[in-house]
Structure formats: C-alpha cells, structure tokens
Amino acid sequence: MSKFGELLDEKIPILLAFFRSQEELTVDMSPVLKDVAAALGDKGKVIKIDVDKNQQLSEALRVKVLPTLMIYKLSEMVWRQSGEQDANTLISLIQDHID
C-alpha cells in the first residue's frame, strides 16, 4: 500500500473508482470514467480499482458497495460516494479541487 500512498500524494485531484470486473450486476462506469478523464486532461487523474485484485486496499478503505467513488487531493479524501454517478457531476466535483 506504500505505492498507493505515493500515488495520492499528488497536487492534482485523483478520482478512485472501485468496481468488480467479474460481477454482471455491477454498473459499468467505464464510459463515464473515460469522459471524466478526457474532460480533466492533465488537471486530474481517474484510477479504476478492481476490488477482487486489491482486497487489502478495499478493506482498509471500507469499500462495501460498488461502485464506490472517492476523490483524493494531497493524500486527503475530500469526497466519497457509493453508487453510480454521471460524468458531469464527477467533473464538477473534481474541478472544485483543482488549484
């Protein structure tokens, strides 16, 4: 998890999207996340995290509902929401944390 800490220690906001690739009932947020990443360019990052491949991290962050979305800036969680979100909402939330 030390790499995770280094990743979050950036000055730009980072959107983490926790999902499960093997579950058919999980909402596929990929198109929304691609739109968000394209809109942000180099002013923010979007990172998808598969909970099955990152169980320790998911447990440490108490991810129980999928998808779970978090925004971090300078290693601090500034927003968290479980459930599907639209691209415009996410872009607006991230832009609030761009210097």
PDB file of N, CA and C in Angstrom:
ATOM      1  N   MET A   1       0.812  -1.201   0.000  1.00  0.00           N
ATOM      2  CA  MET A   1       0.000   0.000   0.000  1.00  0.00           C
ATOM      3  C   MET A   1       0.854   1.264   0.000  1.00  0.00           C
ATOM      4  N   SER A   2       2.170   1.126   0.118  1.00  0.00           N
ATOM      5  CA  SER A   2       3.008   2.327   0.090  1.00  0.00           C
ATOM      6  C   SER A   2       2.920   3.009  -1.272  1.00  0.00           C
ATOM      7  N   LYS A   3       2.793   2.231  -2.336  1.00  0.00           N
ATOM      8  CA  LYS A   3       2.631   2.820  -3.660  1.00  0.00           C
ATOM      9  C   LYS A   3       1.328   3.614  -3.726  1.00  0.00           C
ATOM     10  N   PHE A   4       0.303   3.113  -3.071  1.00  0.00           N
ATOM     11  CA  PHE A   4      -0.980   3.801  -3.035  1.00  0.00           C
ATOM     12  C   PHE A   4      -0.812   5.172  -2.374  1.00  0.00           C
ATOM     13  N   GLY A   5      -0.098   5.223  -1.271  1.00  0.00           N
ATOM     14  CA  GLY A   5       0.144   6.485  -0.578  1.00  0.00           C
ATOM     15  C   GLY A   5       0.910   7.475  -1.437  1.00  0.00           C
ATOM     16  N   GLU A   6       1.906   6.981  -2.170  1.00  0.00           N
ATOM     17  CA  GLU A   6       2.675   7.844  -3.068  1.00  0.00           C
ATOM     18  C   GLU A   6       1.783   8.381  -4.181  1.00  0.00           C
ATOM     19  N   LEU A   7       0.923   7.544  -4.677  1.00  0.00           N
ATOM     20  CA  LEU A   7       0.025   7.924  -5.757  1.00  0.00           C
ATOM     21  C   LEU A   7      -0.880   9.080  -5.331  1.00  0.00           C
ATOM     22  N   LEU A   8      -1.384   9.001  -4.118  1.00  0.00           N
ATOM     23  CA  LEU A   8      -2.328  10.012  -3.634  1.00  0.00           C
ATOM     24  C   LEU A   8      -1.664  11.311  -3.222  1.00  0.00           C
ATOM     25  N   ASP A   9      -0.351  11.316  -3.108  1.00  0.00           N
ATOM     26  CA  ASP A   9       0.370  12.492  -2.626  1.00  0.00           C
ATOM     27  C   ASP A   9       0.630  13.496  -3.745  1.00  0.00           C
ATOM     28  N   GLU A  10      -0.223  13.539  -4.718  1.00  0.00           N
ATOM     29  CA  GLU A  10      -0.061  14.474  -5.828  1.00  0.00           C
ATOM     30  C   GLU A  10      -0.869  15.741  -5.555  1.00  0.00           C
ATOM     31  N   LYS A  11      -0.504  16.798  -6.264  1.00  0.00           N
ATOM     32  CA  LYS A  11      -1.187  18.073  -6.076  1.00  0.00           C
ATOM     33  C   LYS A  11      -2.485  18.155  -6.867  1.00  0.00           C
ATOM     34  N   ILE A  12      -2.659  17.243  -7.822  1.00  0.00           N
ATOM     35  CA  ILE A  12      -3.896  17.236  -8.615  1.00  0.00           C
ATOM     36  C   ILE A  12      -4.902  16.288  -7.968  1.00  0.00           C
ATOM     37  N   PRO A  13      -6.193  16.543  -8.143  1.00  0.00           N
ATOM     38  CA  PRO A  13      -7.198  15.633  -7.582  1.00  0.00           C
ATOM     39  C   PRO A  13      -7.197  14.297  -8.322  1.00  0.00           C
ATOM     40  N   ILE A  14      -7.452  13.237  -7.575  1.00  0.00           N
ATOM     41  CA  ILE A  14      -7.473  11.885  -8.124  1.00  0.00           C
ATOM     42  C   ILE A  14      -8.811  11.255  -7.787  1.00  0.00           C
ATOM     43  N   LEU A  15      -9.503  10.786  -8.817  1.00  0.00           N
ATOM     44  CA  LEU A  15     -10.762  10.068  -8.637  1.00  0.00           C
ATOM     45  C   LEU A  15     -10.466   8.582  -8.627  1.00  0.00           C
ATOM     46  N   LEU A  16     -10.805   7.909  -7.532  1.00  0.00           N
ATOM     47  CA  LEU A  16     -10.679   6.466  -7.444  1.00  0.00           C
ATOM     48  C   LEU A  16     -12.060   5.863  -7.643  1.00  0.00           C
ATOM     49  N   ALA A  17     -12.132   4.877  -8.525  1.00  0.00           N
ATOM     50  CA  ALA A  17     -13.400   4.196  -8.792  1.00  0.00           C
ATOM     51  C   ALA A  17     -13.229   2.720  -8.477  1.00  0.00           C
ATOM     52  N   PHE A  18     -13.850   2.276  -7.408  1.00  0.00           N
ATOM     53  CA  PHE A  18     -13.769   0.872  -7.010  1.00  0.00           C
ATOM     54  C   PHE A  18     -14.888   0.101  -7.696  1.00  0.00           C
ATOM     55  N   PHE A  19     -14.533  -1.029  -8.316  1.00  0.00           N
ATOM     56  CA  PHE A  19     -15.501  -1.827  -9.061  1.00  0.00           C
ATOM     57  C   PHE A  19     -15.134  -3.305  -8.953  1.00  0.00           C
ATOM     58  N   ARG A  20     -15.980  -4.164  -9.491  1.00  0.00           N
ATOM     59  CA  ARG A  20     -15.697  -5.594  -9.568  1.00  0.00           C
ATOM     60  C   ARG A  20     -15.919  -6.019 -11.013  1.00  0.00           C
ATOM     61  N   SER A  21     -14.869  -6.469 -11.660  1.00  0.00           N
ATOM     62  CA  SER A  21     -14.959  -6.816 -13.087  1.00  0.00           C
ATOM     63  C   SER A  21     -15.710  -8.120 -13.327  1.00  0.00           C
ATOM     64  N   GLN A  22     -15.781  -8.990 -12.346  1.00  0.00           N
ATOM     65  CA  GLN A  22     -16.382 -10.307 -12.544  1.00  0.00           C
ATOM     66  C   GLN A  22     -17.876 -10.369 -12.239  1.00  0.00           C
ATOM     67  N   GLU A  23     -18.458  -9.294 -11.804  1.00  0.00           N
ATOM     68  CA  GLU A  23     -19.861  -9.341 -11.390  1.00  0.00           C
ATOM     69  C   GLU A  23     -20.745  -8.681 -12.443  1.00  0.00           C
ATOM     70  N   GLU A  24     -21.663  -9.442 -12.984  1.00  0.00           N
ATOM     71  CA  GLU A  24     -22.519  -8.950 -14.056  1.00  0.00           C
ATOM     72  C   GLU A  24     -23.484  -7.864 -13.598  1.00  0.00           C
ATOM     73  N   LEU A  25     -23.850  -7.879 -12.334  1.00  0.00           N
ATOM     74  CA  LEU A  25     -24.824  -6.914 -11.829  1.00  0.00           C
ATOM     75  C   LEU A  25     -24.196  -5.553 -11.515  1.00  0.00           C
ATOM     76  N   THR A  26     -22.875  -5.480 -11.510  1.00  0.00           N
ATOM     77  CA  THR A  26     -22.197  -4.223 -11.217  1.00  0.00           C
ATOM     78  C   THR A  26     -22.366  -3.255 -12.381  1.00  0.00           C
ATOM     79  N   VAL A  27     -22.659  -2.019 -12.071  1.00  0.00           N
ATOM     80  CA  VAL A  27     -22.800  -0.982 -13.090  1.00  0.00           C
ATOM     81  C   VAL A  27     -21.431  -0.725 -13.716  1.00  0.00           C
ATOM     82  N   ASP A  28     -21.373  -0.724 -15.043  1.00  0.00           N
ATOM     83  CA  ASP A  28     -20.119  -0.437 -15.733  1.00  0.00           C
ATOM     84  C   ASP A  28     -19.952   1.066 -15.853  1.00  0.00           C
ATOM     85  N   MET A  29     -19.029   1.597 -15.085  1.00  0.00           N
ATOM     86  CA  MET A  29     -18.781   3.037 -15.069  1.00  0.00           C
ATOM     87  C   MET A  29     -17.709   3.444 -16.081  1.00  0.00           C
ATOM     88  N   SER A  30     -17.165   2.488 -16.830  1.00  0.00           N
ATOM     89  CA  SER A  30     -16.049   2.780 -17.743  1.00  0.00           C
ATOM     90  C   SER A  30     -16.321   3.938 -18.698  1.00  0.00           C
ATOM     91  N   PRO A  31     -17.477   3.963 -19.398  1.00  0.00           N
ATOM     92  CA  PRO A  31     -17.716   5.095 -20.312  1.00  0.00           C
ATOM     93  C   PRO A  31     -17.742   6.442 -19.588  1.00  0.00           C
ATOM     94  N   VAL A  32     -18.329   6.476 -18.415  1.00  0.00           N
ATOM     95  CA  VAL A  32     -18.395   7.711 -17.625  1.00  0.00           C
ATOM     96  C   VAL A  32     -16.988   8.128 -17.197  1.00  0.00           C
ATOM     97  N   LEU A  33     -16.190   7.165 -16.734  1.00  0.00           N
ATOM     98  CA  LEU A  33     -14.839   7.473 -16.270  1.00  0.00           C
ATOM     99  C   LEU A  33     -13.952   7.955 -17.414  1.00  0.00           C
ATOM    100  N   LYS A  34     -14.144   7.394 -18.600  1.00  0.00           N
ATOM    101  CA  LYS A  34     -13.384   7.855 -19.770  1.00  0.00           C
ATOM    102  C   LYS A  34     -13.739   9.297 -20.099  1.00  0.00           C
ATOM    103  N   ASP A  35     -15.016   9.635 -20.019  1.00  0.00           N
ATOM    104  CA  ASP A  35     -15.451  11.018 -20.270  1.00  0.00           C
ATOM    105  C   ASP A  35     -14.842  11.973 -19.245  1.00  0.00           C
ATOM    106  N   VAL A  36     -14.827  11.543 -17.992  1.00  0.00           N
ATOM    107  CA  VAL A  36     -14.260  12.381 -16.928  1.00  0.00           C
ATOM    108  C   VAL A  36     -12.770  12.599 -17.177  1.00  0.00           C
ATOM    109  N   ALA A  37     -12.046  11.520 -17.473  1.00  0.00           N
ATOM    110  CA  ALA A  37     -10.605  11.619 -17.716  1.00  0.00           C
ATOM    111  C   ALA A  37     -10.312  12.539 -18.904  1.00  0.00           C
ATOM    112  N   ALA A  38     -11.106  12.419 -19.958  1.00  0.00           N
ATOM    113  CA  ALA A  38     -10.907  13.261 -21.143  1.00  0.00           C
ATOM    114  C   ALA A  38     -11.156  14.733 -20.812  1.00  0.00           C
ATOM    115  N   ALA A  39     -12.174  15.007 -20.014  1.00  0.00           N
ATOM    116  CA  ALA A  39     -12.507  16.391 -19.657  1.00  0.00           C
ATOM    117  C   ALA A  39     -11.439  17.015 -18.753  1.00  0.00           C
ATOM    118  N   LEU A  40     -10.829  16.211 -17.892  1.00  0.00           N
ATOM    119  CA  LEU A  40      -9.840  16.728 -16.946  1.00  0.00           C
ATOM    120  C   LEU A  40      -8.478  16.946 -17.586  1.00  0.00           C
ATOM    121  N   GLY A  41      -8.139  16.118 -18.561  1.00  0.00           N
ATOM    122  CA  GLY A  41      -6.811  16.205 -19.157  1.00  0.00           C
ATOM    123  C   GLY A  41      -5.756  15.958 -18.100  1.00  0.00           C
ATOM    124  N   ASP A  42      -4.754  16.832 -18.024  1.00  0.00           N
ATOM    125  CA  ASP A  42      -3.673  16.649 -17.053  1.00  0.00           C
ATOM    126  C   ASP A  42      -3.949  17.369 -15.725  1.00  0.00           C
ATOM    127  N   LYS A  43      -5.176  17.853 -15.530  1.00  0.00           N
ATOM    128  CA  LYS A  43      -5.516  18.556 -14.291  1.00  0.00           C
ATOM    129  C   LYS A  43      -6.068  17.627 -13.214  1.00  0.00           C
ATOM    130  N   GLY A  44      -6.232  16.353 -13.550  1.00  0.00           N
ATOM    131  CA  GLY A  44      -6.727  15.368 -12.603  1.00  0.00           C
ATOM    132  C   GLY A  44      -6.459  13.974 -13.140  1.00  0.00           C
ATOM    133  N   LYS A  45      -6.657  12.967 -12.287  1.00  0.00           N
ATOM    134  CA  LYS A  45      -6.461  11.577 -12.695  1.00  0.00           C
ATOM    135  C   LYS A  45      -7.695  10.776 -12.338  1.00  0.00           C
ATOM    136  N   VAL A  46      -7.954   9.745 -13.140  1.00  0.00           N
ATOM    137  CA  VAL A  46      -9.022   8.794 -12.860  1.00  0.00           C
ATOM    138  C   VAL A  46      -8.384   7.414 -12.789  1.00  0.00           C
ATOM    139  N   ILE A  47      -8.600   6.714 -11.689  1.00  0.00           N
ATOM    140  CA  ILE A  47      -7.999   5.394 -11.498  1.00  0.00           C
ATOM    141  C   ILE A  47      -9.087   4.403 -11.116  1.00  0.00           C
ATOM    142  N   LYS A  48      -9.194   3.334 -11.904  1.00  0.00           N
ATOM    143  CA  LYS A  48     -10.139   2.263 -11.604  1.00  0.00           C
ATOM    144  C   LYS A  48      -9.422   1.214 -10.758  1.00  0.00           C
ATOM    145  N   ILE A  49     -10.098   0.749  -9.712  1.00  0.00           N
ATOM    146  CA  ILE A  49      -9.506  -0.239  -8.813  1.00  0.00           C
ATOM    147  C   ILE A  49     -10.462  -1.423  -8.686  1.00  0.00           C
ATOM    148  N   ASP A  50     -10.011  -2.584  -9.144  1.00  0.00           N
ATOM    149  CA  ASP A  50     -10.791  -3.818  -9.048  1.00  0.00           C
ATOM    150  C   ASP A  50     -10.671  -4.339  -7.616  1.00  0.00           C
ATOM    151  N   VAL A  51     -11.794  -4.435  -6.913  1.00  0.00           N
ATOM    152  CA  VAL A  51     -11.755  -4.835  -5.504  1.00  0.00           C
ATOM    153  C   VAL A  51     -11.255  -6.264  -5.325  1.00  0.00           C
ATOM    154  N   ASP A  52     -11.476  -7.131  -6.324  1.00  0.00           N
ATOM    155  CA  ASP A  52     -11.005  -8.513  -6.212  1.00  0.00           C
ATOM    156  C   ASP A  52      -9.485  -8.600  -6.295  1.00  0.00           C
ATOM    157  N   LYS A  53      -8.859  -7.688  -7.019  1.00  0.00           N
ATOM    158  CA  LYS A  53      -7.397  -7.685  -7.158  1.00  0.00           C
ATOM    159  C   LYS A  53      -6.735  -6.818  -6.095  1.00  0.00           C
ATOM    160  N   ASN A  54      -7.522  -6.042  -5.380  1.00  0.00           N
ATOM    161  CA  ASN A  54      -6.996  -5.123  -4.361  1.00  0.00           C
ATOM    162  C   ASN A  54      -7.812  -5.237  -3.081  1.00  0.00           C
ATOM    163  N   GLN A  55      -7.926  -6.455  -2.563  1.00  0.00           N
ATOM    164  CA  GLN A  55      -8.773  -6.698  -1.394  1.00  0.00           C
ATOM    165  C   GLN A  55      -8.292  -5.971  -0.150  1.00  0.00           C
ATOM    166  N   GLN A  56      -6.986  -5.941   0.060  1.00  0.00           N
ATOM    167  CA  GLN A  56      -6.454  -5.279   1.260  1.00  0.00           C
ATOM    168  C   GLN A  56      -6.782  -3.788   1.243  1.00  0.00           C
ATOM    169  N   LEU A  57      -6.584  -3.158   0.111  1.00  0.00           N
ATOM    170  CA  LEU A  57      -6.892  -1.731  -0.018  1.00  0.00           C
ATOM    171  C   LEU A  57      -8.390  -1.479   0.149  1.00  0.00           C
ATOM    172  N   SER A  58      -9.202  -2.306  -0.494  1.00  0.00           N
ATOM    173  CA  SER A  58     -10.662  -2.156  -0.400  1.00  0.00           C
ATOM    174  C   SER A  58     -11.142  -2.295   1.033  1.00  0.00           C
ATOM    175  N   GLU A  59     -10.575  -3.249   1.764  1.00  0.00           N
ATOM    176  CA  GLU A  59     -10.951  -3.423   3.168  1.00  0.00           C
ATOM    177  C   GLU A  59     -10.478  -2.246   4.015  1.00  0.00           C
ATOM    178  N   ALA A  60      -9.268  -1.769   3.744  1.00  0.00           N
ATOM    179  CA  ALA A  60      -8.727  -0.647   4.518  1.00  0.00           C
ATOM    180  C   ALA A  60      -9.578   0.608   4.335  1.00  0.00           C
ATOM    181  N   LEU A  61     -10.137   0.787   3.132  1.00  0.00           N
ATOM    182  CA  LEU A  61     -10.972   1.959   2.854  1.00  0.00           C
ATOM    183  C   LEU A  61     -12.459   1.683   3.075  1.00  0.00           C
ATOM    184  N   ARG A  62     -12.766   0.496   3.584  1.00  0.00           N
ATOM    185  CA  ARG A  62     -14.143   0.086   3.915  1.00  0.00           C
ATOM    186  C   ARG A  62     -15.091   0.211   2.729  1.00  0.00           C
ATOM    187  N   VAL A  63     -14.651  -0.293   1.591  1.00  0.00           N
ATOM    188  CA  VAL A  63     -15.498  -0.295   0.396  1.00  0.00           C
ATOM    189  C   VAL A  63     -16.449  -1.481   0.508  1.00  0.00           C
ATOM    190  N   LYS A  64     -17.738  -1.186   0.617  1.00  0.00           N
ATOM    191  CA  LYS A  64     -18.751  -2.237   0.782  1.00  0.00           C
ATOM    192  C   LYS A  64     -19.733  -2.290  -0.390  1.00  0.00           C
ATOM    193  N   VAL A  65     -20.022  -1.135  -0.988  1.00  0.00           N
ATOM    194  CA  VAL A  65     -20.983  -1.026  -2.086  1.00  0.00           C
ATOM    195  C   VAL A  65     -20.220  -0.657  -3.351  1.00  0.00           C
ATOM    196  N   LEU A  66     -20.597  -1.275  -4.465  1.00  0.00           N
ATOM    197  CA  LEU A  66     -19.941  -0.974  -5.736  1.00  0.00           C
ATOM    198  C   LEU A  66     -20.931  -0.381  -6.713  1.00  0.00           C
ATOM    199  N   PRO A  67     -20.527   0.587  -7.506  1.00  0.00           N
ATOM    200  CA  PRO A  67     -19.218   1.220  -7.427  1.00  0.00           C
ATOM    201  C   PRO A  67     -19.138   2.186  -6.251  1.00  0.00           C
ATOM    202  N   THR A  68     -17.925   2.351  -5.717  1.00  0.00           N
ATOM    203  CA  THR A  68     -17.644   3.381  -4.731  1.00  0.00           C
ATOM    204  C   THR A  68     -16.638   4.325  -5.359  1.00  0.00           C
ATOM    205  N   LEU A  69     -16.902   5.608  -5.260  1.00  0.00           N
ATOM    206  CA  LEU A  69     -16.051   6.630  -5.864  1.00  0.00           C
ATOM    207  C   LEU A  69     -15.490   7.525  -4.768  1.00  0.00           C
ATOM    208  N   MET A  70     -14.201   7.864  -4.891  1.00  0.00           N
ATOM    209  CA  MET A  70     -13.541   8.738  -3.914  1.00  0.00           C
ATOM    210  C   MET A  70     -12.686   9.740  -4.660  1.00  0.00           C
ATOM    211  N   ILE A  71     -12.609  10.937  -4.129  1.00  0.00           N
ATOM    212  CA  ILE A  71     -11.690  11.936  -4.666  1.00  0.00           C
ATOM    213  C   ILE A  71     -10.675  12.256  -3.569  1.00  0.00           C
ATOM    214  N   TYR A  72      -9.398  12.149  -3.937  1.00  0.00           N
ATOM    215  CA  TYR A  72      -8.296  12.477  -3.033  1.00  0.00           C
ATOM    216  C   TYR A  72      -7.525  13.665  -3.585  1.00  0.00           C
ATOM    217  N   LYS A  73      -7.020  14.475  -2.687  1.00  0.00           N
ATOM    218  CA  LYS A  73      -6.103  15.552  -3.062  1.00  0.00           C
ATOM    219  C   LYS A  73      -5.088  15.695  -1.940  1.00  0.00           C
ATOM    220  N   LEU A  74      -3.806  15.668  -2.295  1.00  0.00           N
ATOM    221  CA  LEU A  74      -2.716  15.754  -1.321  1.00  0.00           C
ATOM    222  C   LEU A  74      -2.889  14.738  -0.196  1.00  0.00           C
ATOM    223  N   SER A  75      -3.165  13.506  -0.576  1.00  0.00           N
ATOM    224  CA  SER A  75      -3.313  12.359   0.335  1.00  0.00           C
ATOM    225  C   SER A  75      -4.529  12.435   1.253  1.00  0.00           C
ATOM    226  N   GLU A  76      -5.435  13.361   1.016  1.00  0.00           N
ATOM    227  CA  GLU A  76      -6.614  13.508   1.864  1.00  0.00           C
ATOM    228  C   GLU A  76      -7.877  13.238   1.050  1.00  0.00           C
ATOM    229  N   MET A  77      -8.756  12.399   1.597  1.00  0.00           N
ATOM    230  CA  MET A  77     -10.029  12.152   0.933  1.00  0.00           C
ATOM    231  C   MET A  77     -10.902  13.395   1.097  1.00  0.00           C
ATOM    232  N   VAL A  78     -11.357  13.936  -0.026  1.00  0.00           N
ATOM    233  CA  VAL A  78     -12.167  15.155   0.029  1.00  0.00           C
ATOM    234  C   VAL A  78     -13.621  14.892  -0.356  1.00  0.00           C
ATOM    235  N   TRP A  79     -13.898  13.691  -0.901  1.00  0.00           N
ATOM    236  CA  TRP A  79     -15.271  13.341  -1.291  1.00  0.00           C
ATOM    237  C   TRP A  79     -15.366  11.830  -1.450  1.00  0.00           C
ATOM    238  N   ARG A  80     -16.524  11.269  -1.081  1.00  0.00           N
ATOM    239  CA  ARG A  80     -16.759   9.829  -1.236  1.00  0.00           C
ATOM    240  C   ARG A  80     -18.242   9.609  -1.462  1.00  0.00           C
ATOM    241  N   GLN A  81     -18.552   8.706  -2.379  1.00  0.00           N
ATOM    242  CA  GLN A  81     -19.950   8.391  -2.670  1.00  0.00           C
ATOM    243  C   GLN A  81     -20.026   6.953  -3.199  1.00  0.00           C
ATOM    244  N   SER A  82     -21.015   6.225  -2.757  1.00  0.00           N
ATOM    245  CA  SER A  82     -21.269   4.890  -3.304  1.00  0.00           C
ATOM    246  C   SER A  82     -22.416   4.988  -4.288  1.00  0.00           C
ATOM    247  N   GLY A  83     -22.318   4.204  -5.351  1.00  0.00           N
ATOM    248  CA  GLY A  83     -23.364   4.204  -6.362  1.00  0.00           C
ATOM    249  C   GLY A  83     -22.940   4.950  -7.610  1.00  0.00           C
ATOM    250  N   GLU A  84     -23.737   4.791  -8.621  1.00  0.00           N
ATOM    251  CA  GLU A  84     -23.436   5.368  -9.930  1.00  0.00           C
ATOM    252  C   GLU A  84     -23.546   6.894  -9.920  1.00  0.00           C
ATOM    253  N   GLN A  85     -22.641   7.542 -10.626  1.00  0.00           N
ATOM    254  CA  GLN A  85     -22.656   8.998 -10.782  1.00  0.00           C
ATOM    255  C   GLN A  85     -22.495   9.309 -12.270  1.00  0.00           C
ATOM    256  N   ASP A  86     -23.015  10.446 -12.702  1.00  0.00           N
ATOM    257  CA  ASP A  86     -22.852  10.817 -14.107  1.00  0.00           C
ATOM    258  C   ASP A  86     -21.564  11.624 -14.277  1.00  0.00           C
ATOM    259  N   ALA A  87     -21.083  11.698 -15.507  1.00  0.00           N
ATOM    260  CA  ALA A  87     -19.807  12.344 -15.812  1.00  0.00           C
ATOM    261  C   ALA A  87     -19.803  13.813 -15.406  1.00  0.00           C
ATOM    262  N   ASN A  88     -20.864  14.547 -15.707  1.00  0.00           N
ATOM    263  CA  ASN A  88     -20.896  15.982 -15.392  1.00  0.00           C
ATOM    264  C   ASN A  88     -20.783  16.243 -13.895  1.00  0.00           C
ATOM    265  N   THR A  89     -21.430  15.414 -13.093  1.00  0.00           N
ATOM    266  CA  THR A  89     -21.348  15.560 -11.636  1.00  0.00           C
ATOM    267  C   THR A  89     -19.922  15.332 -11.166  1.00  0.00           C
ATOM    268  N   LEU A  90     -19.296  14.268 -11.660  1.00  0.00           N
ATOM    269  CA  LEU A  90     -17.931  13.947 -11.249  1.00  0.00           C
ATOM    270  C   LEU A  90     -16.947  15.021 -11.705  1.00  0.00           C
ATOM    271  N   ILE A  91     -17.106  15.495 -12.921  1.00  0.00           N
ATOM    272  CA  ILE A  91     -16.215  16.553 -13.432  1.00  0.00           C
ATOM    273  C   ILE A  91     -16.332  17.799 -12.560  1.00  0.00           C
ATOM    274  N   SER A  92     -17.552  18.183 -12.225  1.00  0.00           N
ATOM    275  CA  SER A  92     -17.778  19.356 -11.384  1.00  0.00           C
ATOM    276  C   SER A  92     -17.139  19.178 -10.005  1.00  0.00           C
ATOM    277  N   LEU A  93     -17.318  18.004  -9.407  1.00  0.00           N
ATOM    278  CA  LEU A  93     -16.757  17.743  -8.087  1.00  0.00           C
ATOM    279  C   LEU A  93     -15.225  17.815  -8.122  1.00  0.00           C
ATOM    280  N   ILE A  94     -14.627  17.246  -9.150  1.00  0.00           N
ATOM    281  CA  ILE A  94     -13.164  17.260  -9.239  1.00  0.00           C
ATOM    282  C   ILE A  94     -12.659  18.676  -9.502  1.00  0.00           C
ATOM    283  N   GLN A  95     -13.357  19.408 -10.364  1.00  0.00           N
ATOM    284  CA  GLN A  95     -12.922  20.783 -10.680  1.00  0.00           C
ATOM    285  C   GLN A  95     -12.934  21.679  -9.449  1.00  0.00           C
ATOM    286  N   ASP A  96     -13.782  21.355  -8.487  1.00  0.00           N
ATOM    287  CA  ASP A  96     -13.799  22.126  -7.234  1.00  0.00           C
ATOM    288  C   ASP A  96     -12.472  22.018  -6.488  1.00  0.00           C
ATOM    289  N   HIS A  97     -11.671  20.976  -6.800  1.00  0.00           N
ATOM    290  CA  HIS A  97     -10.410  20.746  -6.087  1.00  0.00           C
ATOM    291  C   HIS A  97      -9.178  21.003  -6.954  1.00  0.00           C
ATOM    292  N   ILE A  98      -9.367  21.618  -8.123  1.00  0.00           N
ATOM    293  CA  ILE A  98      -8.238  21.966  -8.974  1.00  0.00           C
ATOM    294  C   ILE A  98      -7.790  23.372  -8.603  1.00  0.00           C
ATOM    295  N   ASP A  99      -6.495  23.518  -8.369  1.00  0.00           N
ATOM    296  CA  ASP A  99      -5.955  24.834  -7.984  1.00  0.00           C
ATOM    297  C   ASP A  99      -5.875  25.754  -9.177  1.00  0.00           C
TER     298      ASP A  99
END
